[in-house]
Amino acid sequence: MKISTWPGATVLAAAVIVGGATSATALGPSADQRLDGVIVVAGNTCTWTNARTSADAPSALTVDRTTINAPGGNLGCNGGITASLNNNPAFTFDDAAGLAKTDAIDITGKQSFISCRYKATNITWNRDGATRKYVNQAFTATKTSGSFLCPGSVTTAAGDASMLFH
């Protein structure tokens, strides 16, 4: 296994950093203070639905990690990877500019016996048209702990993640 191409490490770093869904709601107040998420990295997909948020977008809000992580949430990844969020990410919105920002994401991922913990800060998201779906700008997550097999950092390319507030 090569460290630089281990697909699990990238997914581990980004699995909970984002959200997304196949449909989008009209721009305006969200209906139920929920967030759906999806990310595809190196052929692996991680998703969750209906995570609770502290407010409706575009108000500043925090995502409740206990509604993403099992057993309270339904975060799941393919490719034999498991992930869990270690913080409650805070989001702010600039509707005029069509942007959202996340303060920090701290995530731990495991594949087989390998555990990796990564943190990304100041992530920026672009709103998708007149919806509450946001797509990531490129960001890098830095390893904060874990196996020597985990890369020191991983980069998620622009557009590889999205989130949908509803």
Protein backbone atom coordinates (compact mmCIF):
# COMPACT_ATOMS: atom_id res chain seq x y z
CA MET A 1 0.00 0.00 0.00
CA LYS A 2 1.40 3.39 -1.02
CA ILE A 3 0.77 6.23 1.36
CA SER A 4 0.30 8.77 -1.41
CA THR A 5 -2.39 6.75 -3.16
CA TRP A 6 -4.22 5.17 -0.25
CA PRO A 7 -7.81 6.11 -1.19
CA GLY A 8 -9.11 5.65 2.34
CA ALA A 9 -6.93 8.42 3.75
CA THR A 10 -8.46 11.02 1.47
CA VAL A 11 -11.98 9.85 2.19
CA LEU A 12 -11.23 9.80 5.89
CA ALA A 13 -10.15 13.40 5.79
CA ALA A 14 -13.14 14.56 3.83
CA ALA A 15 -15.96 12.19 4.70
CA VAL A 16 -17.78 14.48 7.04
CA ILE A 17 -16.42 17.75 5.87
CA VAL A 18 -19.34 18.16 3.53
CA GLY A 19 -22.80 17.35 2.54
CA GLY A 20 -24.91 17.20 -0.54
CA ALA A 21 -27.98 15.72 -2.07
CA THR A 22 -29.49 14.98 -5.41
CA SER A 23 -32.20 17.64 -5.09
CA ALA A 24 -32.06 21.25 -3.99
CA THR A 25 -34.52 23.62 -2.39
CA ALA A 26 -35.33 27.12 -3.55
CA LEU A 27 -33.28 29.96 -2.13
CA GLY A 28 -34.86 31.26 1.04
CA PRO A 29 -35.48 30.00 4.53
CA SER A 30 -34.94 26.29 4.99
CA ALA A 31 -37.90 24.24 6.15
CA ASP A 32 -36.61 21.85 8.79
CA GLN A 33 -33.07 22.74 9.95
CA ARG A 34 -31.49 19.66 8.33
CA LEU A 35 -28.40 18.94 6.26
CA ASP A 36 -27.76 16.08 3.83
CA GLY A 37 -24.22 15.25 2.77
CA VAL A 38 -22.22 13.36 0.18
CA ILE A 39 -18.59 13.25 -0.89
CA VAL A 40 -16.86 11.11 -3.46
CA VAL A 41 -13.09 10.76 -3.14
CA ALA A 42 -10.83 8.26 -4.90
CA GLY A 43 -13.84 6.18 -5.89
CA ASN A 44 -15.27 5.99 -2.35
CA THR A 45 -18.52 7.65 -1.36
CA CYS A 46 -19.60 8.82 2.10
CA THR A 47 -23.12 10.10 2.73
CA TRP A 48 -25.58 11.06 5.46
CA THR A 49 -29.07 12.51 5.60
CA ASN A 50 -31.06 14.71 7.96
CA ALA A 51 -28.31 15.94 10.28
CA ARG A 52 -29.72 18.56 12.64
CA THR A 53 -28.59 22.17 12.48
CA SER A 54 -29.06 24.86 15.13
CA ALA A 55 -30.84 27.24 12.70
CA ASP A 56 -32.06 27.50 9.13
CA ALA A 57 -29.65 28.66 6.44
CA PRO A 58 -28.76 31.46 5.73
CA SER A 59 -28.59 32.22 9.47
CA ALA A 60 -25.31 31.29 11.14
CA LEU A 61 -25.66 27.71 12.36
CA THR A 62 -23.90 24.73 13.88
CA VAL A 63 -24.24 21.12 12.71
CA ASP A 64 -24.86 18.55 15.47
CA ARG A 65 -22.28 15.79 14.97
CA THR A 66 -24.35 13.30 17.00
CA THR A 67 -26.96 13.41 14.20
CA ILE A 68 -24.29 12.52 11.61
CA ASN A 69 -22.27 9.88 13.50
CA ALA A 70 -23.77 6.47 14.26
CA PRO A 71 -25.74 5.48 16.26
CA GLY A 72 -27.74 8.76 16.20
CA GLY A 73 -26.94 9.51 12.56
CA ASN A 74 -26.56 7.50 9.39
CA LEU A 75 -23.09 8.41 8.09
CA GLY A 76 -21.93 5.60 5.87
CA CYS A 77 -19.04 5.10 3.49
CA ASN A 78 -18.32 2.43 0.92
CA GLY A 79 -14.91 0.83 0.41
CA GLY A 80 -14.62 -0.53 3.96
CA ILE A 81 -14.16 2.91 5.49
CA THR A 82 -15.81 4.22 8.66
CA ALA A 83 -15.70 7.83 9.76
CA SER A 84 -16.83 10.00 12.65
CA LEU A 85 -16.97 13.75 13.16
CA ASN A 86 -15.16 15.05 16.27
CA ASN A 87 -16.60 18.59 16.32
CA ASN A 88 -19.81 20.50 15.62
CA PRO A 89 -18.93 22.57 12.52
CA ALA A 90 -20.15 26.18 12.44
CA PHE A 91 -21.36 27.66 9.14
CA THR A 92 -21.86 31.30 8.18
CA PHE A 93 -23.48 32.52 4.98
CA ASP A 94 -23.03 35.49 2.67
CA ASP A 95 -26.12 35.31 0.47
CA ALA A 96 -25.18 38.38 -1.57
CA ALA A 97 -21.91 36.70 -2.58
CA GLY A 98 -23.43 33.20 -2.81
CA LEU A 99 -20.95 31.76 -0.26
CA ALA A 100 -20.91 29.73 2.92
CA LYS A 101 -17.93 29.21 5.24
CA THR A 102 -17.12 26.50 7.76
CA ASP A 103 -14.90 27.29 10.74
CA ALA A 104 -13.31 23.84 11.21
CA ILE A 105 -13.90 20.17 10.57
CA ASP A 106 -12.19 17.55 12.75
CA ILE A 107 -12.72 13.96 11.61
CA THR A 108 -11.43 10.49 12.40
CA GLY A 109 -11.56 7.72 9.85
CA LYS A 110 -10.69 4.07 9.94
CA GLN A 111 -9.99 1.46 7.32
CA SER A 112 -9.14 -1.98 8.61
CA PHE A 113 -6.68 -1.38 11.48
CA ILE A 114 -5.54 2.05 10.25
CA SER A 115 -6.92 5.15 11.98
CA CYS A 116 -6.33 8.70 10.77
CA ARG A 117 -7.51 12.02 12.23
CA TYR A 118 -7.59 15.18 10.10
CA LYS A 119 -8.60 18.79 10.56
CA ALA A 120 -9.48 21.39 7.94
CA THR A 121 -10.20 25.04 8.73
CA ASN A 122 -11.84 27.97 6.98
CA ILE A 123 -13.53 25.97 4.21
CA THR A 124 -15.41 28.03 1.61
CA TRP A 125 -18.45 26.80 -0.32
CA ASN A 126 -20.10 28.24 -3.44
CA ARG A 127 -23.89 28.28 -3.61
CA ASP A 128 -25.33 26.32 -6.55
CA GLY A 129 -27.55 28.84 -8.33
CA ALA A 130 -30.67 29.84 -6.44
CA THR A 131 -30.67 26.83 -4.12
CA ARG A 132 -29.41 25.94 -0.64
CA LYS A 133 -26.93 23.50 -2.12
CA TYR A 134 -23.28 24.51 -1.72
CA VAL A 135 -20.23 23.07 -3.49
CA ASN A 136 -16.75 23.17 -1.98
CA GLN A 137 -13.78 25.22 -3.05
CA ALA A 138 -10.53 23.22 -2.87
CA PHE A 139 -9.24 22.69 0.68
CA THR A 140 -6.53 20.77 2.50
CA ALA A 141 -6.99 18.80 5.71
CA THR A 142 -3.94 18.27 7.92
CA LYS A 143 -3.29 15.07 9.86
CA THR A 144 -3.52 15.67 13.60
CA SER A 145 -2.96 12.05 14.70
CA GLY A 146 -2.99 8.49 13.46
CA SER A 147 -0.95 5.81 11.80
CA PHE A 148 2.32 6.52 10.01
CA LEU A 149 0.51 5.12 6.94
CA CYS A 150 -1.76 8.19 6.90
CA PRO A 151 -0.62 11.02 4.65
CA GLY A 152 0.38 14.23 6.44
CA SER A 153 -2.36 16.08 4.60
CA VAL A 154 -4.97 15.48 1.93
CA THR A 155 -6.52 17.90 -0.52
CA THR A 156 -10.11 17.82 -1.69
CA ALA A 157 -10.48 19.33 -5.15
CA ALA A 158 -13.08 22.00 -5.87
CA GLY A 159 -16.45 20.42 -6.58
CA ASP A 160 -15.65 17.08 -4.93
CA ALA A 161 -18.04 17.80 -2.07
CA SER A 162 -21.39 19.47 -1.59
CA MET A 163 -23.99 20.09 1.09
CA LEU A 164 -27.71 20.71 1.00
CA PHE A 165 -29.54 22.57 3.75
CA HIS A 166 -33.27 21.87 3.94
